[in-house]
PDB file of N, CA and C in Angstrom:
ATOM      1  N   GLN A   1       0.792  -1.285   0.051  1.00  0.00           N
ATOM      2  CA  GLN A   1      -0.212  -0.072  -0.024  1.00  0.00           C
ATOM      3  C   GLN A   1       0.777   1.220  -0.060  1.00  0.00           C
ATOM      4  N   VAL A   2       0.549   2.090  -0.655  1.00  0.00           N
ATOM      5  CA  VAL A   2       1.009   3.651  -0.657  1.00  0.00           C
ATOM      6  C   VAL A   2      -0.062   4.673  -0.089  1.00  0.00           C
ATOM      7  N   GLN A   3       0.722   5.497   0.406  1.00  0.00           N
ATOM      8  CA  GLN A   3       0.228   6.770   0.965  1.00  0.00           C
ATOM      9  C   GLN A   3       0.578   7.756   0.330  1.00  0.00           C
ATOM     10  N   LEU A   4      -0.134   8.853  -0.205  1.00  0.00           N
ATOM     11  CA  LEU A   4       0.259  10.108  -0.687  1.00  0.00           C
ATOM     12  C   LEU A   4      -0.571  11.093   0.410  1.00  0.00           C
ATOM     13  N   MET A   5       0.249  12.193   0.585  1.00  0.00           N
ATOM     14  CA  MET A   5       0.093  13.585   0.911  1.00  0.00           C
ATOM     15  C   MET A   5       0.237  14.680   0.000  1.00  0.00           C
ATOM     16  N   GLU A   6      -0.742  15.095  -0.116  1.00  0.00           N
ATOM     17  CA  GLU A   6      -0.563  16.595  -0.904  1.00  0.00           C
ATOM     18  C   GLU A   6      -0.824  17.590  -0.162  1.00  0.00           C
ATOM     19  N   SER A   7       0.162  18.655  -0.386  1.00  0.00           N
ATOM     20  CA  SER A   7      -0.027  20.158  -0.048  1.00  0.00           C
ATOM     21  C   SER A   7       0.024  21.135  -1.153  1.00  0.00           C
ATOM     22  N   GLY A   8       0.135  22.402  -0.689  1.00  0.00           N
ATOM     23  CA  GLY A   8       0.339  23.219  -1.533  1.00  0.00           C
ATOM     24  C   GLY A   8      -0.529  24.181  -2.288  1.00  0.00           C
ATOM     25  N   GLY A   9      -2.057  23.713  -2.126  1.00  0.00           N
ATOM     26  CA  GLY A   9      -3.124  24.306  -2.674  1.00  0.00           C
ATOM     27  C   GLY A   9      -3.300  25.284  -2.185  1.00  0.00           C
ATOM     28  N   GLY A  10      -4.661  26.355  -2.862  1.00  0.00           N
ATOM     29  CA  GLY A  10      -4.815  27.622  -1.919  1.00  0.00           C
ATOM     30  C   GLY A  10      -5.470  28.438  -3.040  1.00  0.00           C
ATOM     31  N   LEU A  11      -5.663  29.668  -2.574  1.00  0.00           N
ATOM     32  CA  LEU A  11      -6.164  30.986  -3.679  1.00  0.00           C
ATOM     33  C   LEU A  11      -5.384  31.410  -4.104  1.00  0.00           C
ATOM     34  N   VAL A  12      -5.436  31.905  -5.501  1.00  0.00           N
ATOM     35  CA  VAL A  12      -4.055  32.701  -6.086  1.00  0.00           C
ATOM     36  C   VAL A  12      -4.819  33.575  -7.143  1.00  0.00           C
ATOM     37  N   GLN A  13      -4.207  34.703  -7.578  1.00  0.00           N
ATOM     38  CA  GLN A  13      -4.839  35.453  -8.356  1.00  0.00           C
ATOM     39  C   GLN A  13      -4.273  35.016 -10.022  1.00  0.00           C
ATOM     40  N   PRO A  14      -5.296  35.479 -10.768  1.00  0.00           N
ATOM     41  CA  PRO A  14      -4.748  35.120 -12.223  1.00  0.00           C
ATOM     42  C   PRO A  14      -3.275  35.558 -12.263  1.00  0.00           C
ATOM     43  N   GLY A  15      -2.315  34.716 -13.413  1.00  0.00           N
ATOM     44  CA  GLY A  15      -0.963  34.977 -13.376  1.00  0.00           C
ATOM     45  C   GLY A  15      -0.220  34.978 -12.315  1.00  0.00           C
ATOM     46  N   GLY A  16      -0.717  34.469 -10.853  1.00  0.00           N
ATOM     47  CA  GLY A  16       0.301  34.043 -10.119  1.00  0.00           C
ATOM     48  C   GLY A  16       0.909  32.484 -10.240  1.00  0.00           C
ATOM     49  N   SER A  17       1.546  31.940  -9.125  1.00  0.00           N
ATOM     50  CA  SER A  17       2.104  30.556  -9.077  1.00  0.00           C
ATOM     51  C   SER A  17       1.832  29.968  -7.846  1.00  0.00           C
ATOM     52  N   LEU A  18       1.824  28.843  -7.677  1.00  0.00           N
ATOM     53  CA  LEU A  18       1.705  27.988  -7.042  1.00  0.00           C
ATOM     54  C   LEU A  18       2.764  26.813  -6.918  1.00  0.00           C
ATOM     55  N   ARG A  19       3.324  26.039  -5.795  1.00  0.00           N
ATOM     56  CA  ARG A  19       3.588  24.875  -5.809  1.00  0.00           C
ATOM     57  C   ARG A  19       3.034  23.632  -5.172  1.00  0.00           C
ATOM     58  N   LEU A  20       2.611  22.690  -6.172  1.00  0.00           N
ATOM     59  CA  LEU A  20       1.981  21.544  -5.220  1.00  0.00           C
ATOM     60  C   LEU A  20       3.338  20.443  -4.849  1.00  0.00           C
ATOM     61  N   SER A  21       2.817  19.995  -3.658  1.00  0.00           N
ATOM     62  CA  SER A  21       3.815  18.750  -3.299  1.00  0.00           C
ATOM     63  C   SER A  21       2.831  17.612  -2.894  1.00  0.00           C
ATOM     64  N   CYS A  22       3.703  16.377  -3.102  1.00  0.00           N
ATOM     65  CA  CYS A  22       3.031  14.987  -3.026  1.00  0.00           C
ATOM     66  C   CYS A  22       4.149  14.401  -2.329  1.00  0.00           C
ATOM     67  N   ALA A  23       3.837  14.166  -0.969  1.00  0.00           N
ATOM     68  CA  ALA A  23       4.820  13.231  -0.433  1.00  0.00           C
ATOM     69  C   ALA A  23       4.170  11.579  -0.207  1.00  0.00           C
ATOM     70  N   ALA A  24       5.303  11.000  -0.763  1.00  0.00           N
ATOM     71  CA  ALA A  24       5.015   9.609  -0.692  1.00  0.00           C
ATOM     72  C   ALA A  24       5.496   8.837   0.398  1.00  0.00           C
ATOM     73  N   SER A  25       4.650   7.697   0.788  1.00  0.00           N
ATOM     74  CA  SER A  25       5.458   6.942   1.802  1.00  0.00           C
ATOM     75  C   SER A  25       6.224   6.023   1.045  1.00  0.00           C
ATOM     76  N   GLY A  26       7.523   5.660   1.869  1.00  0.00           N
ATOM     77  CA  GLY A  26       8.487   4.785   1.451  1.00  0.00           C
ATOM     78  C   GLY A  26       9.437   5.291   0.290  1.00  0.00           C
ATOM     79  N   SER A  27       9.935   4.763  -0.224  1.00  0.00           N
ATOM     80  CA  SER A  27      10.617   5.149  -1.563  1.00  0.00           C
ATOM     81  C   SER A  27      10.188   5.298  -3.060  1.00  0.00           C
ATOM     82  N   ILE A  28      10.330   6.540  -3.457  1.00  0.00           N
ATOM     83  CA  ILE A  28       9.470   6.421  -5.100  1.00  0.00           C
ATOM     84  C   ILE A  28      10.236   5.759  -5.926  1.00  0.00           C
ATOM     85  N   PHE A  29      11.479   5.579  -5.730  1.00  0.00           N
ATOM     86  CA  PHE A  29      12.365   4.626  -6.982  1.00  0.00           C
ATOM     87  C   PHE A  29      11.468   3.616  -7.484  1.00  0.00           C
ATOM     88  N   ARG A  30      10.459   2.993  -6.515  1.00  0.00           N
ATOM     89  CA  ARG A  30       9.562   1.560  -7.115  1.00  0.00           C
ATOM     90  C   ARG A  30       8.817   2.326  -7.869  1.00  0.00           C
ATOM     91  N   PHE A  31       8.132   3.428  -8.073  1.00  0.00           N
ATOM     92  CA  PHE A  31       6.796   3.533  -8.809  1.00  0.00           C
ATOM     93  C   PHE A  31       7.644   3.803  -9.976  1.00  0.00           C
ATOM     94  N   ASN A  32       6.334   3.434 -10.817  1.00  0.00           N
ATOM     95  CA  ASN A  32       6.719   3.243 -12.536  1.00  0.00           C
ATOM     96  C   ASN A  32       6.415   5.123 -12.774  1.00  0.00           C
ATOM     97  N   ILE A  33       5.470   5.761 -12.603  1.00  0.00           N
ATOM     98  CA  ILE A  33       4.632   6.802 -13.006  1.00  0.00           C
ATOM     99  C   ILE A  33       4.108   7.595 -11.977  1.00  0.00           C
ATOM    100  N   MET A  34       4.634   8.776 -11.523  1.00  0.00           N
ATOM    101  CA  MET A  34       3.835   9.585 -10.699  1.00  0.00           C
ATOM    102  C   MET A  34       3.345  10.667 -11.753  1.00  0.00           C
ATOM    103  N   GLY A  35       2.112  11.356 -10.960  1.00  0.00           N
ATOM    104  CA  GLY A  35       1.696  12.410 -11.796  1.00  0.00           C
ATOM    105  C   GLY A  35       0.530  13.313 -11.188  1.00  0.00           C
ATOM    106  N   TRP A  36       0.179  14.434 -11.792  1.00  0.00           N
ATOM    107  CA  TRP A  36      -0.843  15.117 -11.287  1.00  0.00           C
ATOM    108  C   TRP A  36      -2.043  15.366 -12.242  1.00  0.00           C
ATOM    109  N   TYR A  37      -3.448  14.943 -11.684  1.00  0.00           N
ATOM    110  CA  TYR A  37      -4.416  14.744 -12.390  1.00  0.00           C
ATOM    111  C   TYR A  37      -5.533  16.121 -11.705  1.00  0.00           C
ATOM    112  N   ARG A  38      -6.206  16.778 -12.303  1.00  0.00           N
ATOM    113  CA  ARG A  38      -7.340  17.420 -11.854  1.00  0.00           C
ATOM    114  C   ARG A  38      -8.615  17.312 -12.132  1.00  0.00           C
ATOM    115  N   GLN A  39      -9.625  17.593 -11.504  1.00  0.00           N
ATOM    116  CA  GLN A  39     -10.874  17.879 -11.851  1.00  0.00           C
ATOM    117  C   GLN A  39     -11.757  18.746 -11.264  1.00  0.00           C
ATOM    118  N   ALA A  40     -11.999  19.741 -12.055  1.00  0.00           N
ATOM    119  CA  ALA A  40     -13.091  21.006 -12.290  1.00  0.00           C
ATOM    120  C   ALA A  40     -14.404  20.260 -11.940  1.00  0.00           C
ATOM    121  N   PRO A  41     -15.461  21.120 -11.305  1.00  0.00           N
ATOM    122  CA  PRO A  41     -16.508  20.687 -10.983  1.00  0.00           C
ATOM    123  C   PRO A  41     -17.502  20.759 -12.286  1.00  0.00           C
ATOM    124  N   GLY A  42     -18.202  19.326 -12.406  1.00  0.00           N
ATOM    125  CA  GLY A  42     -18.752  18.930 -13.806  1.00  0.00           C
ATOM    126  C   GLY A  42     -17.974  18.663 -14.588  1.00  0.00           C
ATOM    127  N   LYS A  43     -16.749  18.375 -14.557  1.00  0.00           N
ATOM    128  CA  LYS A  43     -15.740  17.884 -15.711  1.00  0.00           C
ATOM    129  C   LYS A  43     -15.131  16.372 -15.236  1.00  0.00           C
ATOM    130  N   PRO A  44     -14.754  15.839 -16.007  1.00  0.00           N
ATOM    131  CA  PRO A  44     -14.018  14.345 -16.083  1.00  0.00           C
ATOM    132  C   PRO A  44     -12.590  14.743 -15.237  1.00  0.00           C
ATOM    133  N   ARG A  45     -12.210  13.922 -14.446  1.00  0.00           N
ATOM    134  CA  ARG A  45     -10.716  14.213 -13.885  1.00  0.00           C
ATOM    135  C   ARG A  45      -9.876  13.703 -15.122  1.00  0.00           C
ATOM    136  N   GLU A  46      -8.852  14.723 -15.557  1.00  0.00           N
ATOM    137  CA  GLU A  46      -7.842  14.801 -16.403  1.00  0.00           C
ATOM    138  C   GLU A  46      -6.240  14.731 -16.046  1.00  0.00           C
ATOM    139  N   LEU A  47      -5.437  14.399 -17.018  1.00  0.00           N
ATOM    140  CA  LEU A  47      -4.109  14.424 -16.531  1.00  0.00           C
ATOM    141  C   LEU A  47      -3.763  15.787 -16.553  1.00  0.00           C
ATOM    142  N   VAL A  48      -2.809  16.117 -15.879  1.00  0.00           N
ATOM    143  CA  VAL A  48      -2.082  17.314 -16.007  1.00  0.00           C
ATOM    144  C   VAL A  48      -0.467  17.044 -16.465  1.00  0.00           C
ATOM    145  N   ALA A  49       0.009  16.382 -15.458  1.00  0.00           N
ATOM    146  CA  ALA A  49       1.631  16.075 -16.064  1.00  0.00           C
ATOM    147  C   ALA A  49       1.718  14.801 -15.612  1.00  0.00           C
ATOM    148  N   GLN A  50       2.982  14.012 -15.814  1.00  0.00           N
ATOM    149  CA  GLN A  50       3.282  13.005 -15.566  1.00  0.00           C
ATOM    150  C   GLN A  50       5.108  12.808 -15.574  1.00  0.00           C
ATOM    151  N   VAL A  51       5.432  12.093 -14.568  1.00  0.00           N
ATOM    152  CA  VAL A  51       6.673  11.894 -14.834  1.00  0.00           C
ATOM    153  C   VAL A  51       7.323  10.435 -14.510  1.00  0.00           C
ATOM    154  N   THR A  52       7.914   9.637 -15.641  1.00  0.00           N
ATOM    155  CA  THR A  52       8.225   8.174 -15.373  1.00  0.00           C
ATOM    156  C   THR A  52       9.677   7.786 -14.547  1.00  0.00           C
ATOM    157  N   SER A  53       9.582   6.679 -13.975  1.00  0.00           N
ATOM    158  CA  SER A  53      10.766   6.402 -13.492  1.00  0.00           C
ATOM    159  C   SER A  53      12.222   6.573 -14.310  1.00  0.00           C
ATOM    160  N   GLY A  54      12.157   6.978 -15.303  1.00  0.00           N
ATOM    161  CA  GLY A  54      13.400   7.467 -16.108  1.00  0.00           C
ATOM    162  C   GLY A  54      13.477   8.881 -16.463  1.00  0.00           C
ATOM    163  N   ASP A  55      12.235   9.704 -15.825  1.00  0.00           N
ATOM    164  CA  ASP A  55      12.369  11.136 -16.016  1.00  0.00           C
ATOM    165  C   ASP A  55      11.951  11.565 -17.029  1.00  0.00           C
ATOM    166  N   SER A  56      11.036  10.657 -17.930  1.00  0.00           N
ATOM    167  CA  SER A  56      10.509  11.402 -19.057  1.00  0.00           C
ATOM    168  C   SER A  56       9.134  12.041 -18.708  1.00  0.00           C
ATOM    169  N   THR A  57       8.728  13.107 -18.971  1.00  0.00           N
ATOM    170  CA  THR A  57       7.619  14.052 -18.674  1.00  0.00           C
ATOM    171  C   THR A  57       6.651  14.248 -19.770  1.00  0.00           C
ATOM    172  N   THR A  58       5.287  14.254 -19.548  1.00  0.00           N
ATOM    173  CA  THR A  58       4.073  14.629 -20.601  1.00  0.00           C
ATOM    174  C   THR A  58       3.430  15.571 -19.761  1.00  0.00           C
ATOM    175  N   TYR A  59       2.926  16.355 -20.556  1.00  0.00           N
ATOM    176  CA  TYR A  59       2.127  17.366 -20.077  1.00  0.00           C
ATOM    177  C   TYR A  59       0.774  17.481 -21.132  1.00  0.00           C
ATOM    178  N   ALA A  60      -0.349  18.148 -20.159  1.00  0.00           N
ATOM    179  CA  ALA A  60      -1.513  18.572 -20.942  1.00  0.00           C
ATOM    180  C   ALA A  60      -1.068  19.750 -21.644  1.00  0.00           C
ATOM    181  N   ASP A  61      -2.007  19.379 -23.281  1.00  0.00           N
ATOM    182  CA  ASP A  61      -1.418  20.582 -23.926  1.00  0.00           C
ATOM    183  C   ASP A  61      -1.674  22.240 -23.297  1.00  0.00           C
ATOM    184  N   SER A  62      -2.726  22.108 -22.129  1.00  0.00           N
ATOM    185  CA  SER A  62      -3.247  23.633 -21.667  1.00  0.00           C
ATOM    186  C   SER A  62      -2.227  23.890 -20.542  1.00  0.00           C
ATOM    187  N   VAL A  63      -1.465  23.031 -20.147  1.00  0.00           N
ATOM    188  CA  VAL A  63      -0.445  23.659 -19.278  1.00  0.00           C
ATOM    189  C   VAL A  63       0.718  23.724 -19.822  1.00  0.00           C
ATOM    190  N   LYS A  64       1.257  23.402 -20.964  1.00  0.00           N
ATOM    191  CA  LYS A  64       2.592  23.118 -21.386  1.00  0.00           C
ATOM    192  C   LYS A  64       3.423  24.861 -21.498  1.00  0.00           C
ATOM    193  N   GLY A  65       4.553  24.693 -21.041  1.00  0.00           N
ATOM    194  CA  GLY A  65       5.124  25.992 -20.895  1.00  0.00           C
ATOM    195  C   GLY A  65       4.726  26.827 -19.890  1.00  0.00           C
ATOM    196  N   ARG A  66       3.713  26.159 -18.760  1.00  0.00           N
ATOM    197  CA  ARG A  66       3.395  27.205 -18.082  1.00  0.00           C
ATOM    198  C   ARG A  66       3.531  26.056 -16.280  1.00  0.00           C
ATOM    199  N   PHE A  67       3.455  24.832 -16.453  1.00  0.00           N
ATOM    200  CA  PHE A  67       3.532  23.873 -15.387  1.00  0.00           C
ATOM    201  C   PHE A  67       4.797  22.976 -15.437  1.00  0.00           C
ATOM    202  N   THR A  68       5.627  22.811 -14.341  1.00  0.00           N
ATOM    203  CA  THR A  68       6.700  21.821 -14.590  1.00  0.00           C
ATOM    204  C   THR A  68       6.526  20.900 -13.625  1.00  0.00           C
ATOM    205  N   ILE A  69       6.689  19.342 -13.968  1.00  0.00           N
ATOM    206  CA  ILE A  69       6.662  18.406 -12.926  1.00  0.00           C
ATOM    207  C   ILE A  69       8.126  17.689 -12.624  1.00  0.00           C
ATOM    208  N   SER A  70       8.181  17.509 -11.449  1.00  0.00           N
ATOM    209  CA  SER A  70       9.405  17.298 -11.112  1.00  0.00           C
ATOM    210  C   SER A  70       9.400  16.271 -10.164  1.00  0.00           C
ATOM    211  N   ARG A  71      10.346  15.250  -9.717  1.00  0.00           N
ATOM    212  CA  ARG A  71      10.610  14.484  -8.366  1.00  0.00           C
ATOM    213  C   ARG A  71      11.974  14.573  -7.624  1.00  0.00           C
ATOM    214  N   ASP A  72      11.510  14.531  -6.373  1.00  0.00           N
ATOM    215  CA  ASP A  72      12.820  14.508  -5.521  1.00  0.00           C
ATOM    216  C   ASP A  72      12.913  13.016  -4.733  1.00  0.00           C
ATOM    217  N   ASN A  73      13.747  12.252  -5.091  1.00  0.00           N
ATOM    218  CA  ASN A  73      13.859  10.811  -4.695  1.00  0.00           C
ATOM    219  C   ASN A  73      14.186  11.020  -3.500  1.00  0.00           C
ATOM    220  N   GLY A  74      15.155  11.740  -3.219  1.00  0.00           N
ATOM    221  CA  GLY A  74      15.746  11.687  -1.675  1.00  0.00           C
ATOM    222  C   GLY A  74      14.730  12.009  -0.955  1.00  0.00           C
ATOM    223  N   ASN A  75      13.791  12.968  -0.871  1.00  0.00           N
ATOM    224  CA  ASN A  75      12.558  13.251  -0.044  1.00  0.00           C
ATOM    225  C   ASN A  75      11.384  12.596  -0.405  1.00  0.00           C
ATOM    226  N   ASN A  76      11.484  11.636  -1.362  1.00  0.00           N
ATOM    227  CA  ASN A  76      10.174  10.592  -1.838  1.00  0.00           C
ATOM    228  C   ASN A  76       8.790  11.840  -2.058  1.00  0.00           C
ATOM    229  N   THR A  77       9.407  12.751  -2.677  1.00  0.00           N
ATOM    230  CA  THR A  77       8.244  13.752  -3.186  1.00  0.00           C
ATOM    231  C   THR A  77       8.237  13.985  -4.792  1.00  0.00           C
ATOM    232  N   VAL A  78       7.086  14.561  -5.060  1.00  0.00           N
ATOM    233  CA  VAL A  78       6.964  14.865  -6.386  1.00  0.00           C
ATOM    234  C   VAL A  78       6.035  16.212  -6.205  1.00  0.00           C
ATOM    235  N   TYR A  79       6.301  17.134  -7.372  1.00  0.00           N
ATOM    236  CA  TYR A  79       6.242  18.532  -7.365  1.00  0.00           C
ATOM    237  C   TYR A  79       5.630  18.976  -8.598  1.00  0.00           C
ATOM    238  N   LEU A  80       4.665  19.999  -8.621  1.00  0.00           N
ATOM    239  CA  LEU A  80       3.960  20.423  -9.634  1.00  0.00           C
ATOM    240  C   LEU A  80       4.010  21.987  -9.191  1.00  0.00           C
ATOM    241  N   GLN A  81       5.189  22.428 -10.056  1.00  0.00           N
ATOM    242  CA  GLN A  81       5.091  24.096 -10.142  1.00  0.00           C
ATOM    243  C   GLN A  81       4.307  24.567 -11.566  1.00  0.00           C
ATOM    244  N   MET A  82       3.302  25.242 -10.978  1.00  0.00           N
ATOM    245  CA  MET A  82       2.271  26.261 -11.435  1.00  0.00           C
ATOM    246  C   MET A  82       2.454  27.655 -11.596  1.00  0.00           C
ATOM    247  N   ASN A  83       2.895  28.154 -12.942  1.00  0.00           N
ATOM    248  CA  ASN A  83       3.001  29.553 -13.020  1.00  0.00           C
ATOM    249  C   ASN A  83       2.289  30.210 -14.146  1.00  0.00           C
ATOM    250  N   SER A  84       1.922  31.328 -14.364  1.00  0.00           N
ATOM    251  CA  SER A  84       1.203  31.918 -14.781  1.00  0.00           C
ATOM    252  C   SER A  84      -0.328  31.335 -14.864  1.00  0.00           C
ATOM    253  N   LEU A  85      -0.943  31.132 -13.856  1.00  0.00           N
ATOM    254  CA  LEU A  85      -2.230  30.514 -13.437  1.00  0.00           C
ATOM    255  C   LEU A  85      -3.690  31.425 -14.050  1.00  0.00           C
ATOM    256  N   LYS A  86      -4.259  30.520 -14.615  1.00  0.00           N
ATOM    257  CA  LYS A  86      -5.433  31.083 -15.177  1.00  0.00           C
ATOM    258  C   LYS A  86      -6.783  30.587 -14.713  1.00  0.00           C
ATOM    259  N   SER A  87      -7.799  31.287 -14.722  1.00  0.00           N
ATOM    260  CA  SER A  87      -8.922  30.866 -14.018  1.00  0.00           C
ATOM    261  C   SER A  87      -9.410  29.513 -14.570  1.00  0.00           C
ATOM    262  N   GLU A  88      -9.188  29.343 -15.576  1.00  0.00           N
ATOM    263  CA  GLU A  88      -9.355  27.705 -16.065  1.00  0.00           C
ATOM    264  C   GLU A  88      -8.491  26.552 -15.341  1.00  0.00           C
ATOM    265  N   ASP A  89      -7.655  27.150 -14.642  1.00  0.00           N
ATOM    266  CA  ASP A  89      -6.639  25.983 -13.893  1.00  0.00           C
ATOM    267  C   ASP A  89      -7.308  25.351 -12.455  1.00  0.00           C
ATOM    268  N   THR A  90      -8.627  26.248 -12.144  1.00  0.00           N
ATOM    269  CA  THR A  90      -9.474  26.124 -10.809  1.00  0.00           C
ATOM    270  C   THR A  90     -10.012  24.489 -11.016  1.00  0.00           C
ATOM    271  N   ALA A  91      -9.439  23.959  -9.968  1.00  0.00           N
ATOM    272  CA  ALA A  91      -9.707  22.411  -9.653  1.00  0.00           C
ATOM    273  C   ALA A  91      -9.323  21.928  -8.379  1.00  0.00           C
ATOM    274  N   VAL A  92      -9.697  20.663  -8.447  1.00  0.00           N
ATOM    275  CA  VAL A  92      -9.222  19.780  -7.084  1.00  0.00           C
ATOM    276  C   VAL A  92      -8.116  19.124  -7.874  1.00  0.00           C
ATOM    277  N   TYR A  93      -6.679  19.152  -7.355  1.00  0.00           N
ATOM    278  CA  TYR A  93      -5.476  18.504  -7.988  1.00  0.00           C
ATOM    279  C   TYR A  93      -5.348  17.226  -7.077  1.00  0.00           C
ATOM    280  N   TYR A  94      -5.155  16.407  -7.913  1.00  0.00           N
ATOM    281  CA  TYR A  94      -4.714  14.955  -7.330  1.00  0.00           C
ATOM    282  C   TYR A  94      -3.357  14.158  -7.421  1.00  0.00           C
ATOM    283  N   CYS A  95      -2.582  13.718  -6.687  1.00  0.00           N
ATOM    284  CA  CYS A  95      -1.496  12.975  -6.922  1.00  0.00           C
ATOM    285  C   CYS A  95      -1.841  11.699  -7.398  1.00  0.00           C
ATOM    286  N   ASN A  96      -0.992  11.026  -8.295  1.00  0.00           N
ATOM    287  CA  ASN A  96      -1.556   9.807  -8.570  1.00  0.00           C
ATOM    288  C   ASN A  96      -0.064   9.040  -8.692  1.00  0.00           C
ATOM    289  N   VAL A  97       0.085   7.899  -8.223  1.00  0.00           N
ATOM    290  CA  VAL A  97       1.124   6.740  -8.690  1.00  0.00           C
ATOM    291  C   VAL A  97       1.024   5.410  -8.975  1.00  0.00           C
ATOM    292  N   ARG A  98       1.343   5.342 -10.104  1.00  0.00           N
ATOM    293  CA  ARG A  98       1.309   3.919 -11.099  1.00  0.00           C
ATOM    294  C   ARG A  98       2.456   2.943 -10.414  1.00  0.00           C
ATOM    295  N   TRP A  99       2.172   2.025  -9.718  1.00  0.00           N
ATOM    296  CA  TRP A  99       2.863   1.154  -9.116  1.00  0.00           C
ATOM    297  C   TRP A  99       2.687  -0.329  -9.894  1.00  0.00           C
ATOM    298  N   PHE A 100       3.110  -0.459 -10.958  1.00  0.00           N
ATOM    299  CA  PHE A 100       2.180  -1.746 -11.845  1.00  0.00           C
ATOM    300  C   PHE A 100       2.102  -3.112 -11.114  1.00  0.00           C
ATOM    301  N   PRO A 101       1.084  -3.457 -10.958  1.00  0.00           N
ATOM    302  CA  PRO A 101      -0.347  -3.175 -11.805  1.00  0.00           C
ATOM    303  C   PRO A 101      -1.068  -2.408 -10.959  1.00  0.00           C
ATOM    304  N   SER A 102      -0.837  -1.746  -9.726  1.00  0.00           N
ATOM    305  CA  SER A 102      -1.692  -0.976  -9.050  1.00  0.00           C
ATOM    306  C   SER A 102      -1.406   0.787  -9.378  1.00  0.00           C
ATOM    307  N   ASP A 103      -2.359   1.095  -8.786  1.00  0.00           N
ATOM    308  CA  ASP A 103      -2.968   2.593  -8.964  1.00  0.00           C
ATOM    309  C   ASP A 103      -3.367   3.385  -7.639  1.00  0.00           C
ATOM    310  N   PHE A 104      -2.674   4.160  -6.948  1.00  0.00           N
ATOM    311  CA  PHE A 104      -2.782   4.957  -5.707  1.00  0.00           C
ATOM    312  C   PHE A 104      -3.158   6.380  -6.153  1.00  0.00           C
ATOM    313  N   TRP A 105      -3.711   6.948  -5.587  1.00  0.00           N
ATOM    314  CA  TRP A 105      -4.354   8.437  -5.331  1.00  0.00           C
ATOM    315  C   TRP A 105      -4.243   8.805  -4.055  1.00  0.00           C
ATOM    316  N   GLY A 106      -4.139  10.425  -4.229  1.00  0.00           N
ATOM    317  CA  GLY A 106      -4.069  11.187  -3.016  1.00  0.00           C
ATOM    318  C   GLY A 106      -5.547  11.853  -2.603  1.00  0.00           C
ATOM    319  N   GLN A 107      -5.578  12.512  -1.728  1.00  0.00           N
ATOM    320  CA  GLN A 107      -6.936  12.991  -1.036  1.00  0.00           C
ATOM    321  C   GLN A 107      -7.626  14.039  -1.929  1.00  0.00           C
ATOM    322  N   GLY A 108      -6.193  14.922  -2.786  1.00  0.00           N
ATOM    323  CA  GLY A 108      -6.461  16.086  -3.584  1.00  0.00           C
ATOM    324  C   GLY A 108      -6.252  17.286  -2.901  1.00  0.00           C
ATOM    325  N   THR A 109      -5.993  18.501  -3.513  1.00  0.00           N
ATOM    326  CA  THR A 109      -5.633  19.340  -2.681  1.00  0.00           C
ATOM    327  C   THR A 109      -6.447  20.516  -3.750  1.00  0.00           C
ATOM    328  N   GLN A 110      -7.200  21.538  -3.559  1.00  0.00           N
ATOM    329  CA  GLN A 110      -7.903  22.501  -3.844  1.00  0.00           C
ATOM    330  C   GLN A 110      -7.237  23.538  -4.487  1.00  0.00           C
ATOM    331  N   VAL A 111      -7.244  24.214  -5.769  1.00  0.00           N
ATOM    332  CA  VAL A 111      -6.490  25.244  -6.213  1.00  0.00           C
ATOM    333  C   VAL A 111      -7.622  26.269  -7.183  1.00  0.00           C
ATOM    334  N   THR A 112      -7.454  27.397  -6.740  1.00  0.00           N
ATOM    335  CA  THR A 112      -8.718  28.665  -6.863  1.00  0.00           C
ATOM    336  C   THR A 112      -7.999  29.655  -7.584  1.00  0.00           C
ATOM    337  N   VAL A 113      -8.085  29.845  -8.848  1.00  0.00           N
ATOM    338  CA  VAL A 113      -7.397  30.687  -9.374  1.00  0.00           C
ATOM    339  C   VAL A 113      -8.824  31.754  -9.552  1.00  0.00           C
ATOM    340  N   SER A 114      -8.427  32.882  -8.667  1.00  0.00           N
ATOM    341  CA  SER A 114      -9.373  33.985  -9.135  1.00  0.00           C
ATOM    342  C   SER A 114      -8.862  35.441  -8.679  1.00  0.00           C
ATOM    343  N   SER A 115      -9.584  36.721  -9.188  1.00  0.00           N
ATOM    344  CA  SER A 115      -9.064  37.939  -8.433  1.00  0.00           C
ATOM    345  C   SER A 115     -10.031  38.162  -7.450  1.00  0.00           C
TER     346      SER A 115
END
């Protein structure tokens, strides 16, 4: 079993920045893929960004050039740096770990972009 604890969400003005953190129980070397998803009200959950154990990254088109995902193996943590935030980035953000064949999720952290 893997436990994930997200932090860093909050209220920010358009154009601002936030950094989300996801701390995992145990070494993240084991995990095949770590990522961030988000779900806005009335919309399906969508992939925001993910990083593989080989440090290959994937981003949703809507966040390319604004968001950066990174992993700190020493602290068993994956980060999502979010810059130039827009109102449409408002959602609950979830940390996800794929440790084949299993899938683990954090509890979610709210990000609200509003003036």
